[in-house]
Amino acid sequence: MATIPTIHLNGTGYETLHKEYRAAYDAVSKAIDAMYATTCNGRDYYVQGGSAFYSARDERQAAIQKLTDARDYLAEILVGIMDQKPDHDRL
């Protein structure tokens, strides 16, 4: 559960928070897409031994999961920010 910033007069404004967190969300989403687009082919690993490809595949999936976790965190914050403004934009 993410701690959502509270929008108030002495804090950072809605527009700034929304813009910054939306940019971070979009960047992480692009990174996830880029990771999925990378080649992970057994022919690139077989010379290292029988388990190298499976290790590489598992490592790649673990990295994608970390990015997905980061994107989910940013989405939670974005929704929390948008919920504080009745006429907010949606993801």
Protein backbone atom coordinates (compact mmCIF):
# COMPACT_ATOMS: atom_id res chain seq x y z
CA MET A 1 0.00 0.00 0.00
CA ALA A 2 1.54 3.26 -1.16
CA THR A 3 1.51 6.40 0.96
CA ILE A 4 -0.31 8.95 -1.20
CA PRO A 5 0.83 12.59 -1.10
CA THR A 6 -1.88 14.92 0.22
CA ILE A 7 -2.66 17.92 -1.93
CA HIS A 8 -2.94 21.07 0.20
CA LEU A 9 -1.95 24.73 0.14
CA ASN A 10 1.52 24.26 1.65
CA GLY A 11 2.44 21.23 -0.47
CA THR A 12 3.11 20.40 -4.08
CA GLY A 13 0.16 21.16 -6.34
CA TYR A 14 -2.03 18.67 -8.15
CA GLU A 15 -0.75 19.55 -11.63
CA THR A 16 2.90 19.05 -10.66
CA LEU A 17 2.30 15.80 -8.80
CA HIS A 18 0.10 14.42 -11.56
CA LYS A 19 2.56 15.41 -14.31
CA GLU A 20 5.61 13.97 -12.52
CA TYR A 21 4.03 10.68 -11.47
CA ARG A 22 2.38 10.26 -14.88
CA ALA A 23 5.76 10.76 -16.58
CA ALA A 24 7.34 8.16 -14.28
CA TYR A 25 4.45 5.74 -14.93
CA ASP A 26 4.77 6.18 -18.70
CA ALA A 27 8.56 5.72 -18.59
CA VAL A 28 8.34 2.51 -16.57
CA SER A 29 5.61 1.21 -18.89
CA LYS A 30 7.90 1.84 -21.86
CA ALA A 31 10.73 0.07 -20.06
CA ILE A 32 8.49 -2.97 -19.52
CA ASP A 33 7.60 -3.00 -23.22
CA ALA A 34 11.29 -2.68 -24.13
CA MET A 35 12.23 -5.58 -21.85
CA TYR A 36 9.57 -7.80 -23.42
CA ALA A 37 10.91 -6.83 -26.85
CA THR A 38 14.43 -8.02 -26.05
CA THR A 39 15.53 -11.33 -27.53
CA CYS A 40 15.88 -14.23 -25.16
CA ASN A 41 16.78 -17.15 -27.42
CA GLY A 42 18.24 -20.46 -26.33
CA ARG A 43 20.71 -20.36 -29.22
CA ASP A 44 22.41 -17.39 -27.55
CA TYR A 45 23.14 -19.40 -24.39
CA TYR A 46 23.67 -23.07 -25.25
CA VAL A 47 27.46 -22.69 -25.47
CA GLN A 48 27.43 -21.79 -21.76
CA GLY A 49 25.83 -25.07 -20.74
CA GLY A 50 22.40 -26.62 -20.47
CA SER A 51 20.98 -24.39 -17.76
CA ALA A 52 22.26 -20.99 -18.95
CA PHE A 53 19.21 -20.20 -21.07
CA TYR A 54 16.83 -21.06 -18.23
CA SER A 55 18.83 -18.88 -15.84
CA ALA A 56 18.81 -15.98 -18.31
CA ARG A 57 15.07 -16.38 -18.90
CA ASP A 58 14.33 -16.43 -15.16
CA GLU A 59 16.58 -13.40 -14.54
CA ARG A 60 14.82 -11.49 -17.33
CA GLN A 61 11.41 -12.33 -15.89
CA ALA A 62 12.52 -11.24 -12.41
CA ALA A 63 13.68 -7.88 -13.83
CA ILE A 64 10.37 -7.42 -15.65
CA GLN A 65 8.53 -8.21 -12.41
CA LYS A 66 10.47 -5.49 -10.58
CA LEU A 67 9.49 -3.00 -13.26
CA THR A 68 5.88 -4.17 -13.08
CA ASP A 69 5.93 -3.69 -9.30
CA ALA A 70 7.27 -0.15 -9.80
CA ARG A 71 4.56 0.60 -12.37
CA ASP A 72 1.86 -0.71 -10.01
CA TYR A 73 3.23 1.51 -7.22
CA LEU A 74 3.16 4.56 -9.50
CA ALA A 75 -0.38 3.72 -10.65
CA GLU A 76 -1.54 3.53 -7.04
CA ILE A 77 -0.06 6.94 -6.30
CA LEU A 78 -1.52 8.43 -9.48
CA VAL A 79 -5.00 7.17 -8.63
CA GLY A 80 -4.63 8.56 -5.10
CA ILE A 81 -3.60 11.93 -6.50
CA MET A 82 -6.44 11.97 -9.02
CA ASP A 83 -8.99 10.98 -6.37
CA GLN A 84 -8.22 14.29 -4.62
CA LYS A 85 -9.46 16.29 -7.60
CA PRO A 86 -13.05 15.63 -8.71
CA ASP A 87 -12.45 16.53 -12.38
CA HIS A 88 -9.19 14.57 -12.68
CA ASP A 89 -7.76 12.93 -15.79
CA ARG A 90 -7.72 9.15 -15.94
CA LEU A 91 -4.75 6.83 -16.61
